[in-house]
Amino acid sequence: MRKTAYSLLAAAIAAVAVYPALAQSLPEGEGKETVEKICGGCHDLQPITGSIGFSKEDWETVLKSMIDMGATIKPDDATVIVNYLAKTFPPKAKN
């Protein structure tokens, strides 16, 4: 039992140490810290940074789906998140 507790503690410490490195992968911009804190608090940011990009309306839909799955996001924060994502990760041009 004690070994399991130490393993979980070590994993938690490693996660805390790795989190800033993951957060740094977001481009600068108004709302970056909110996205890091709220979105990064629930999942890896790779689905955002590796996305094909979306329109503002599509990012609103993505955020609504996160809320529907249980994310607690205040309306003011939702606006900041959507605006940051729409500006920073717009749809990529099709070749």
PDB file of N, CA and C in Angstrom:
ATOM      1  N   MET A   1       0.821  -1.189   0.000  1.00  0.00           N
ATOM      2  CA  MET A   1       0.000   0.000   0.000  1.00  0.00           C
ATOM      3  C   MET A   1       0.868   1.258   0.000  1.00  0.00           C
ATOM      4  N   ARG A   2       1.896   1.277   0.838  1.00  0.00           N
ATOM      5  CA  ARG A   2       2.776   2.431   0.942  1.00  0.00           C
ATOM      6  C   ARG A   2       3.536   2.640  -0.371  1.00  0.00           C
ATOM      7  N   LYS A   3       3.948   1.545  -1.012  1.00  0.00           N
ATOM      8  CA  LYS A   3       4.670   1.639  -2.280  1.00  0.00           C
ATOM      9  C   LYS A   3       3.786   2.282  -3.344  1.00  0.00           C
ATOM     10  N   THR A   4       2.507   1.918  -3.366  1.00  0.00           N
ATOM     11  CA  THR A   4       1.567   2.497  -4.320  1.00  0.00           C
ATOM     12  C   THR A   4       1.405   3.992  -4.066  1.00  0.00           C
ATOM     13  N   ALA A   5       1.308   4.380  -2.815  1.00  0.00           N
ATOM     14  CA  ALA A   5       1.163   5.792  -2.470  1.00  0.00           C
ATOM     15  C   ALA A   5       2.385   6.580  -2.937  1.00  0.00           C
ATOM     16  N   TYR A   6       3.571   6.027  -2.725  1.00  0.00           N
ATOM     17  CA  TYR A   6       4.785   6.711  -3.169  1.00  0.00           C
ATOM     18  C   TYR A   6       4.835   6.803  -4.695  1.00  0.00           C
ATOM     19  N   SER A   7       4.384   5.759  -5.370  1.00  0.00           N
ATOM     20  CA  SER A   7       4.362   5.776  -6.830  1.00  0.00           C
ATOM     21  C   SER A   7       3.416   6.855  -7.337  1.00  0.00           C
ATOM     22  N   LEU A   8       2.249   6.969  -6.717  1.00  0.00           N
ATOM     23  CA  LEU A   8       1.290   7.999  -7.113  1.00  0.00           C
ATOM     24  C   LEU A   8       1.835   9.395  -6.842  1.00  0.00           C
ATOM     25  N   LEU A   9       2.502   9.567  -5.714  1.00  0.00           N
ATOM     26  CA  LEU A   9       3.099  10.851  -5.376  1.00  0.00           C
ATOM     27  C   LEU A   9       4.182  11.207  -6.391  1.00  0.00           C
ATOM     28  N   ALA A  10       5.011  10.248  -6.750  1.00  0.00           N
ATOM     29  CA  ALA A  10       6.070  10.486  -7.734  1.00  0.00           C
ATOM     30  C   ALA A  10       5.469  10.866  -9.086  1.00  0.00           C
ATOM     31  N   ALA A  11       4.395  10.196  -9.479  1.00  0.00           N
ATOM     32  CA  ALA A  11       3.726  10.517 -10.746  1.00  0.00           C
ATOM     33  C   ALA A  11       3.150  11.927 -10.714  1.00  0.00           C
ATOM     34  N   ALA A  12       2.567  12.306  -9.589  1.00  0.00           N
ATOM     35  CA  ALA A  12       2.005  13.652  -9.451  1.00  0.00           C
ATOM     36  C   ALA A  12       3.095  14.710  -9.529  1.00  0.00           C
ATOM     37  N   ILE A  13       4.213  14.477  -8.880  1.00  0.00           N
ATOM     38  CA  ILE A  13       5.326  15.425  -8.929  1.00  0.00           C
ATOM     39  C   ILE A  13       5.864  15.541 -10.353  1.00  0.00           C
ATOM     40  N   ALA A  14       5.978  14.415 -11.044  1.00  0.00           N
ATOM     41  CA  ALA A  14       6.445  14.434 -12.430  1.00  0.00           C
ATOM     42  C   ALA A  14       5.483  15.213 -13.315  1.00  0.00           C
ATOM     43  N   ALA A  15       4.187  15.035 -13.095  1.00  0.00           N
ATOM     44  CA  ALA A  15       3.183  15.753 -13.887  1.00  0.00           C
ATOM     45  C   ALA A  15       3.301  17.256 -13.672  1.00  0.00           C
ATOM     46  N   VAL A  16       3.509  17.668 -12.435  1.00  0.00           N
ATOM     47  CA  VAL A  16       3.663  19.090 -12.122  1.00  0.00           C
ATOM     48  C   VAL A  16       4.924  19.641 -12.777  1.00  0.00           C
ATOM     49  N   ALA A  17       5.974  18.855 -12.806  1.00  0.00           N
ATOM     50  CA  ALA A  17       7.225  19.297 -13.417  1.00  0.00           C
ATOM     51  C   ALA A  17       7.108  19.395 -14.933  1.00  0.00           C
ATOM     52  N   VAL A  18       6.333  18.519 -15.543  1.00  0.00           N
ATOM     53  CA  VAL A  18       6.183  18.492 -16.993  1.00  0.00           C
ATOM     54  C   VAL A  18       5.179  19.537 -17.469  1.00  0.00           C
ATOM     55  N   TYR A  19       4.187  19.865 -16.658  1.00  0.00           N
ATOM     56  CA  TYR A  19       3.123  20.779 -17.082  1.00  0.00           C
ATOM     57  C   TYR A  19       3.643  22.092 -17.648  1.00  0.00           C
ATOM     58  N   PRO A  20       4.600  22.788 -16.998  1.00  0.00           N
ATOM     59  CA  PRO A  20       5.070  24.043 -17.581  1.00  0.00           C
ATOM     60  C   PRO A  20       5.665  23.872 -18.974  1.00  0.00           C
ATOM     61  N   ALA A  21       6.321  22.767 -19.228  1.00  0.00           N
ATOM     62  CA  ALA A  21       6.886  22.531 -20.555  1.00  0.00           C
ATOM     63  C   ALA A  21       5.784  22.385 -21.590  1.00  0.00           C
ATOM     64  N   LEU A  22       4.714  21.692 -21.228  1.00  0.00           N
ATOM     65  CA  LEU A  22       3.592  21.556 -22.154  1.00  0.00           C
ATOM     66  C   LEU A  22       2.923  22.900 -22.388  1.00  0.00           C
ATOM     67  N   ALA A  23       2.741  23.656 -21.325  1.00  0.00           N
ATOM     68  CA  ALA A  23       2.067  24.949 -21.424  1.00  0.00           C
ATOM     69  C   ALA A  23       2.840  25.905 -22.315  1.00  0.00           C
ATOM     70  N   GLN A  24       4.157  25.795 -22.343  1.00  0.00           N
ATOM     71  CA  GLN A  24       4.964  26.691 -23.146  1.00  0.00           C
ATOM     72  C   GLN A  24       4.765  26.474 -24.631  1.00  0.00           C
ATOM     73  N   SER A  25       4.114  25.411 -25.022  1.00  0.00           N
ATOM     74  CA  SER A  25       3.927  25.148 -26.437  1.00  0.00           C
ATOM     75  C   SER A  25       2.834  26.018 -27.056  1.00  0.00           C
ATOM     76  N   LEU A  26       2.068  26.743 -26.238  1.00  0.00           N
ATOM     77  CA  LEU A  26       1.054  27.639 -26.773  1.00  0.00           C
ATOM     78  C   LEU A  26       1.699  28.954 -27.181  1.00  0.00           C
ATOM     79  N   PRO A  27       1.296  29.482 -28.329  1.00  0.00           N
ATOM     80  CA  PRO A  27       1.811  30.791 -28.739  1.00  0.00           C
ATOM     81  C   PRO A  27       1.324  31.891 -27.794  1.00  0.00           C
ATOM     82  N   GLU A  28       2.109  32.946 -27.694  1.00  0.00           N
ATOM     83  CA  GLU A  28       1.717  34.089 -26.871  1.00  0.00           C
ATOM     84  C   GLU A  28       0.440  34.707 -27.429  1.00  0.00           C
ATOM     85  N   GLY A  29      -0.309  35.311 -26.553  1.00  0.00           N
ATOM     86  CA  GLY A  29      -1.518  36.004 -26.970  1.00  0.00           C
ATOM     87  C   GLY A  29      -2.451  36.174 -25.797  1.00  0.00           C
ATOM     88  N   GLU A  30      -3.367  37.122 -25.931  1.00  0.00           N
ATOM     89  CA  GLU A  30      -4.332  37.361 -24.868  1.00  0.00           C
ATOM     90  C   GLU A  30      -5.209  36.129 -24.698  1.00  0.00           C
ATOM     91  N   GLY A  31      -5.181  35.541 -23.529  1.00  0.00           N
ATOM     92  CA  GLY A  31      -5.956  34.341 -23.240  1.00  0.00           C
ATOM     93  C   GLY A  31      -5.117  33.094 -23.072  1.00  0.00           C
ATOM     94  N   LYS A  32      -3.812  33.184 -23.394  1.00  0.00           N
ATOM     95  CA  LYS A  32      -2.938  32.015 -23.289  1.00  0.00           C
ATOM     96  C   LYS A  32      -2.966  31.426 -21.884  1.00  0.00           C
ATOM     97  N   GLU A  33      -2.821  32.269 -20.873  1.00  0.00           N
ATOM     98  CA  GLU A  33      -2.791  31.764 -19.488  1.00  0.00           C
ATOM     99  C   GLU A  33      -4.106  31.101 -19.102  1.00  0.00           C
ATOM    100  N   THR A  34      -5.212  31.642 -19.592  1.00  0.00           N
ATOM    101  CA  THR A  34      -6.525  31.050 -19.287  1.00  0.00           C
ATOM    102  C   THR A  34      -6.640  29.677 -19.925  1.00  0.00           C
ATOM    103  N   VAL A  35      -6.184  29.545 -21.167  1.00  0.00           N
ATOM    104  CA  VAL A  35      -6.219  28.248 -21.858  1.00  0.00           C
ATOM    105  C   VAL A  35      -5.314  27.254 -21.143  1.00  0.00           C
ATOM    106  N   GLU A  36      -4.120  27.694 -20.755  1.00  0.00           N
ATOM    107  CA  GLU A  36      -3.200  26.806 -20.036  1.00  0.00           C
ATOM    108  C   GLU A  36      -3.848  26.310 -18.741  1.00  0.00           C
ATOM    109  N   LYS A  37      -4.429  27.229 -17.994  1.00  0.00           N
ATOM    110  CA  LYS A  37      -4.993  26.897 -16.689  1.00  0.00           C
ATOM    111  C   LYS A  37      -6.245  26.020 -16.812  1.00  0.00           C
ATOM    112  N   ILE A  38      -7.174  26.436 -17.645  1.00  0.00           N
ATOM    113  CA  ILE A  38      -8.463  25.739 -17.692  1.00  0.00           C
ATOM    114  C   ILE A  38      -8.403  24.511 -18.597  1.00  0.00           C
ATOM    115  N   CYS A  39      -7.965  24.690 -19.826  1.00  0.00           N
ATOM    116  CA  CYS A  39      -7.921  23.551 -20.757  1.00  0.00           C
ATOM    117  C   CYS A  39      -6.824  22.561 -20.345  1.00  0.00           C
ATOM    118  N   GLY A  40      -5.646  23.116 -20.040  1.00  0.00           N
ATOM    119  CA  GLY A  40      -4.526  22.274 -19.632  1.00  0.00           C
ATOM    120  C   GLY A  40      -4.729  21.623 -18.281  1.00  0.00           C
ATOM    121  N   GLY A  41      -5.664  22.133 -17.500  1.00  0.00           N
ATOM    122  CA  GLY A  41      -5.977  21.529 -16.211  1.00  0.00           C
ATOM    123  C   GLY A  41      -6.730  20.219 -16.343  1.00  0.00           C
ATOM    124  N   CYS A  42      -7.317  19.997 -17.517  1.00  0.00           N
ATOM    125  CA  CYS A  42      -8.102  18.763 -17.742  1.00  0.00           C
ATOM    126  C   CYS A  42      -7.424  17.796 -18.702  1.00  0.00           C
ATOM    127  N   HIS A  43      -6.700  18.327 -19.670  1.00  0.00           N
ATOM    128  CA  HIS A  43      -6.111  17.447 -20.678  1.00  0.00           C
ATOM    129  C   HIS A  43      -4.852  18.066 -21.257  1.00  0.00           C
ATOM    130  N   ASP A  44      -4.094  17.246 -21.951  1.00  0.00           N
ATOM    131  CA  ASP A  44      -2.911  17.677 -22.676  1.00  0.00           C
ATOM    132  C   ASP A  44      -3.340  18.746 -23.690  1.00  0.00           C
ATOM    133  N   LEU A  45      -2.482  19.683 -23.983  1.00  0.00           N
ATOM    134  CA  LEU A  45      -2.822  20.742 -24.929  1.00  0.00           C
ATOM    135  C   LEU A  45      -2.571  20.354 -26.382  1.00  0.00           C
ATOM    136  N   GLN A  46      -2.041  19.171 -26.630  1.00  0.00           N
ATOM    137  CA  GLN A  46      -1.759  18.718 -27.993  1.00  0.00           C
ATOM    138  C   GLN A  46      -3.007  18.714 -28.881  1.00  0.00           C
ATOM    139  N   PRO A  47      -4.190  18.354 -28.370  1.00  0.00           N
ATOM    140  CA  PRO A  47      -5.364  18.427 -29.249  1.00  0.00           C
ATOM    141  C   PRO A  47      -5.621  19.848 -29.769  1.00  0.00           C
ATOM    142  N   ILE A  48      -5.159  20.844 -29.040  1.00  0.00           N
ATOM    143  CA  ILE A  48      -5.301  22.228 -29.493  1.00  0.00           C
ATOM    144  C   ILE A  48      -4.164  22.569 -30.448  1.00  0.00           C
ATOM    145  N   THR A  49      -2.929  22.367 -29.996  1.00  0.00           N
ATOM    146  CA  THR A  49      -1.774  22.768 -30.790  1.00  0.00           C
ATOM    147  C   THR A  49      -1.624  21.937 -32.059  1.00  0.00           C
ATOM    148  N   GLY A  50      -2.110  20.720 -32.046  1.00  0.00           N
ATOM    149  CA  GLY A  50      -2.002  19.852 -33.209  1.00  0.00           C
ATOM    150  C   GLY A  50      -3.251  19.827 -34.070  1.00  0.00           C
ATOM    151  N   SER A  51      -4.204  20.688 -33.753  1.00  0.00           N
ATOM    152  CA  SER A  51      -5.473  20.677 -34.481  1.00  0.00           C
ATOM    153  C   SER A  51      -5.305  21.261 -35.880  1.00  0.00           C
ATOM    154  N   ILE A  52      -6.303  21.001 -36.710  1.00  0.00           N
ATOM    155  CA  ILE A  52      -6.330  21.574 -38.049  1.00  0.00           C
ATOM    156  C   ILE A  52      -6.780  23.025 -38.004  1.00  0.00           C
ATOM    157  N   GLY A  53      -7.165  23.469 -36.797  1.00  0.00           N
ATOM    158  CA  GLY A  53      -7.663  24.824 -36.630  1.00  0.00           C
ATOM    159  C   GLY A  53      -9.154  24.870 -36.888  1.00  0.00           C
ATOM    160  N   PHE A  54      -9.799  25.815 -36.267  1.00  0.00           N
ATOM    161  CA  PHE A  54     -11.246  25.927 -36.399  1.00  0.00           C
ATOM    162  C   PHE A  54     -11.658  27.390 -36.455  1.00  0.00           C
ATOM    163  N   SER A  55     -12.852  27.614 -36.970  1.00  0.00           N
ATOM    164  CA  SER A  55     -13.447  28.943 -36.943  1.00  0.00           C
ATOM    165  C   SER A  55     -13.877  29.250 -35.511  1.00  0.00           C
ATOM    166  N   LYS A  56     -14.207  30.496 -35.256  1.00  0.00           N
ATOM    167  CA  LYS A  56     -14.665  30.879 -33.922  1.00  0.00           C
ATOM    168  C   LYS A  56     -15.889  30.059 -33.529  1.00  0.00           C
ATOM    169  N   GLU A  57     -16.806  29.884 -34.455  1.00  0.00           N
ATOM    170  CA  GLU A  57     -18.017  29.109 -34.176  1.00  0.00           C
ATOM    171  C   GLU A  57     -17.678  27.659 -33.843  1.00  0.00           C
ATOM    172  N   ASP A  58     -16.722  27.091 -34.561  1.00  0.00           N
ATOM    173  CA  ASP A  58     -16.323  25.714 -34.284  1.00  0.00           C
ATOM    174  C   ASP A  58     -15.642  25.599 -32.926  1.00  0.00           C
ATOM    175  N   TRP A  59     -14.799  26.582 -32.560  1.00  0.00           N
ATOM    176  CA  TRP A  59     -14.173  26.554 -31.237  1.00  0.00           C
ATOM    177  C   TRP A  59     -15.240  26.693 -30.151  1.00  0.00           C
ATOM    178  N   GLU A  60     -16.287  27.490 -30.409  1.00  0.00           N
ATOM    179  CA  GLU A  60     -17.391  27.589 -29.444  1.00  0.00           C
ATOM    180  C   GLU A  60     -18.049  26.227 -29.246  1.00  0.00           C
ATOM    181  N   THR A  61     -18.216  25.484 -30.343  1.00  0.00           N
ATOM    182  CA  THR A  61     -18.805  24.145 -30.269  1.00  0.00           C
ATOM    183  C   THR A  61     -17.896  23.202 -29.481  1.00  0.00           C
ATOM    184  N   VAL A  62     -16.593  23.286 -29.728  1.00  0.00           N
ATOM    185  CA  VAL A  62     -15.633  22.450 -28.988  1.00  0.00           C
ATOM    186  C   VAL A  62     -15.725  22.767 -27.498  1.00  0.00           C
ATOM    187  N   LEU A  63     -15.737  24.043 -27.159  1.00  0.00           N
ATOM    188  CA  LEU A  63     -15.804  24.437 -25.755  1.00  0.00           C
ATOM    189  C   LEU A  63     -17.108  23.984 -25.115  1.00  0.00           C
ATOM    190  N   LYS A  64     -18.205  24.106 -25.850  1.00  0.00           N
ATOM    191  CA  LYS A  64     -19.499  23.643 -25.324  1.00  0.00           C
ATOM    192  C   LYS A  64     -19.458  22.142 -25.064  1.00  0.00           C
ATOM    193  N   SER A  65     -18.804  21.391 -25.929  1.00  0.00           N
ATOM    194  CA  SER A  65     -18.717  19.943 -25.708  1.00  0.00           C
ATOM    195  C   SER A  65     -17.891  19.638 -24.460  1.00  0.00           C
ATOM    196  N   MET A  66     -16.848  20.441 -24.199  1.00  0.00           N
ATOM    197  CA  MET A  66     -16.062  20.255 -22.975  1.00  0.00           C
ATOM    198  C   MET A  66     -16.933  20.529 -21.740  1.00  0.00           C
ATOM    199  N   ILE A  67     -17.735  21.567 -21.809  1.00  0.00           N
ATOM    200  CA  ILE A  67     -18.643  21.901 -20.708  1.00  0.00           C
ATOM    201  C   ILE A  67     -19.663  20.791 -20.532  1.00  0.00           C
ATOM    202  N   ASP A  68     -20.195  20.279 -21.640  1.00  0.00           N
ATOM    203  CA  ASP A  68     -21.167  19.173 -21.575  1.00  0.00           C
ATOM    204  C   ASP A  68     -20.554  17.922 -20.947  1.00  0.00           C
ATOM    205  N   MET A  69     -19.226  17.770 -21.083  1.00  0.00           N
ATOM    206  CA  MET A  69     -18.549  16.609 -20.489  1.00  0.00           C
ATOM    207  C   MET A  69     -18.113  16.859 -19.049  1.00  0.00           C
ATOM    208  N   GLY A  70     -18.446  18.056 -18.518  1.00  0.00           N
ATOM    209  CA  GLY A  70     -18.187  18.308 -17.110  1.00  0.00           C
ATOM    210  C   GLY A  70     -17.189  19.394 -16.784  1.00  0.00           C
ATOM    211  N   ALA A  71     -16.592  20.015 -17.788  1.00  0.00           N
ATOM    212  CA  ALA A  71     -15.646  21.096 -17.499  1.00  0.00           C
ATOM    213  C   ALA A  71     -16.397  22.273 -16.877  1.00  0.00           C
ATOM    214  N   THR A  72     -15.813  22.841 -15.835  1.00  0.00           N
ATOM    215  CA  THR A  72     -16.392  24.004 -15.183  1.00  0.00           C
ATOM    216  C   THR A  72     -15.690  25.239 -15.724  1.00  0.00           C
ATOM    217  N   ILE A  73     -16.385  25.953 -16.588  1.00  0.00           N
ATOM    218  CA  ILE A  73     -15.796  27.130 -17.230  1.00  0.00           C
ATOM    219  C   ILE A  73     -16.774  28.286 -17.091  1.00  0.00           C
ATOM    220  N   LYS A  74     -16.315  29.354 -16.471  1.00  0.00           N
ATOM    221  CA  LYS A  74     -17.146  30.543 -16.302  1.00  0.00           C
ATOM    222  C   LYS A  74     -17.372  31.195 -17.664  1.00  0.00           C
ATOM    223  N   PRO A  75     -18.533  31.830 -17.860  1.00  0.00           N
ATOM    224  CA  PRO A  75     -18.811  32.480 -19.151  1.00  0.00           C
ATOM    225  C   PRO A  75     -17.729  33.465 -19.596  1.00  0.00           C
ATOM    226  N   ASP A  76     -17.198  34.263 -18.674  1.00  0.00           N
ATOM    227  CA  ASP A  76     -16.142  35.213 -19.047  1.00  0.00           C
ATOM    228  C   ASP A  76     -14.890  34.479 -19.525  1.00  0.00           C
ATOM    229  N   ASP A  77     -14.549  33.383 -18.851  1.00  0.00           N
ATOM    230  CA  ASP A  77     -13.394  32.586 -19.263  1.00  0.00           C
ATOM    231  C   ASP A  77     -13.653  31.915 -20.609  1.00  0.00           C
ATOM    232  N   ALA A  78     -14.871  31.470 -20.833  1.00  0.00           N
ATOM    233  CA  ALA A  78     -15.217  30.828 -22.104  1.00  0.00           C
ATOM    234  C   ALA A  78     -14.992  31.795 -23.264  1.00  0.00           C
ATOM    235  N   THR A  79     -15.384  33.037 -23.082  1.00  0.00           N
ATOM    236  CA  THR A  79     -15.189  34.047 -24.124  1.00  0.00           C
ATOM    237  C   THR A  79     -13.706  34.262 -24.401  1.00  0.00           C
ATOM    238  N   VAL A  80     -12.901  34.359 -23.351  1.00  0.00           N
ATOM    239  CA  VAL A  80     -11.450  34.543 -23.503  1.00  0.00           C
ATOM    240  C   VAL A  80     -10.844  33.344 -24.225  1.00  0.00           C
ATOM    241  N   ILE A  81     -11.240  32.141 -23.824  1.00  0.00           N
ATOM    242  CA  ILE A  81     -10.707  30.916 -24.433  1.00  0.00           C
ATOM    243  C   ILE A  81     -11.047  30.853 -25.913  1.00  0.00           C
ATOM    244  N   VAL A  82     -12.310  31.053 -26.243  1.00  0.00           N
ATOM    245  CA  VAL A  82     -12.738  30.972 -27.647  1.00  0.00           C
ATOM    246  C   VAL A  82     -12.032  32.026 -28.487  1.00  0.00           C
ATOM    247  N   ASN A  83     -11.933  33.243 -27.983  1.00  0.00           N
ATOM    248  CA  ASN A  83     -11.269  34.303 -28.750  1.00  0.00           C
ATOM    249  C   ASN A  83      -9.797  33.971 -28.988  1.00  0.00           C
ATOM    250  N   TYR A  84      -9.114  33.458 -27.953  1.00  0.00           N
ATOM    251  CA  TYR A  84      -7.703  33.080 -28.100  1.00  0.00           C
ATOM    252  C   TYR A  84      -7.556  31.957 -29.126  1.00  0.00           C
ATOM    253  N   LEU A  85      -8.366  30.919 -28.987  1.00  0.00           N
ATOM    254  CA  LEU A  85      -8.246  29.775 -29.891  1.00  0.00           C
ATOM    255  C   LEU A  85      -8.578  30.152 -31.329  1.00  0.00           C
ATOM    256  N   ALA A  86      -9.617  30.954 -31.517  1.00  0.00           N
ATOM    257  CA  ALA A  86     -10.006  31.353 -32.873  1.00  0.00           C
ATOM    258  C   ALA A  86      -8.923  32.195 -33.540  1.00  0.00           C
ATOM    259  N   LYS A  87      -8.287  33.062 -32.765  1.00  0.00           N
ATOM    260  CA  LYS A  87      -7.240  33.918 -33.321  1.00  0.00           C
ATOM    261  C   LYS A  87      -5.940  33.143 -33.531  1.00  0.00           C
ATOM    262  N   THR A  88      -5.607  32.281 -32.590  1.00  0.00           N
ATOM    263  CA  THR A  88      -4.316  31.591 -32.607  1.00  0.00           C
ATOM    264  C   THR A  88      -4.331  30.305 -33.437  1.00  0.00           C
ATOM    265  N   PHE A  89      -5.485  29.636 -33.482  1.00  0.00           N
ATOM    266  CA  PHE A  89      -5.601  28.366 -34.206  1.00  0.00           C
ATOM    267  C   PHE A  89      -6.791  28.412 -35.163  1.00  0.00           C
ATOM    268  N   PRO A  90      -6.716  29.319 -36.186  1.00  0.00           N
ATOM    269  CA  PRO A  90      -7.806  29.393 -37.173  1.00  0.00           C
ATOM    270  C   PRO A  90      -7.712  28.198 -38.120  1.00  0.00           C
ATOM    271  N   PRO A  91      -8.720  28.014 -38.946  1.00  0.00           N
ATOM    272  CA  PRO A  91      -8.643  26.902 -39.906  1.00  0.00           C
ATOM    273  C   PRO A  91      -7.403  27.047 -40.792  1.00  0.00           C
ATOM    274  N   LYS A  92      -6.728  25.924 -40.992  1.00  0.00           N
ATOM    275  CA  LYS A  92      -5.548  25.945 -41.863  1.00  0.00           C
ATOM    276  C   LYS A  92      -6.005  25.908 -43.314  1.00  0.00           C
ATOM    277  N   ALA A  93      -5.274  26.626 -44.131  1.00  0.00           N
ATOM    278  CA  ALA A  93      -5.603  26.677 -45.567  1.00  0.00           C
ATOM    279  C   ALA A  93      -5.467  25.283 -46.175  1.00  0.00           C
ATOM    280  N   LYS A  94      -6.422  24.959 -47.030  1.00  0.00           N
ATOM    281  CA  LYS A  94      -6.367  23.673 -47.720  1.00  0.00           C
ATOM    282  C   LYS A  94      -5.495  23.812 -48.961  1.00  0.00           C
ATOM    283  N   ASN A  95      -4.659  22.818 -49.165  1.00  0.00           N
ATOM    284  CA  ASN A  95      -3.745  22.873 -50.325  1.00  0.00           C
ATOM    285  C   ASN A  95      -4.377  22.304 -51.556  1.00  0.00           C
TER     286      ASN A  95
END
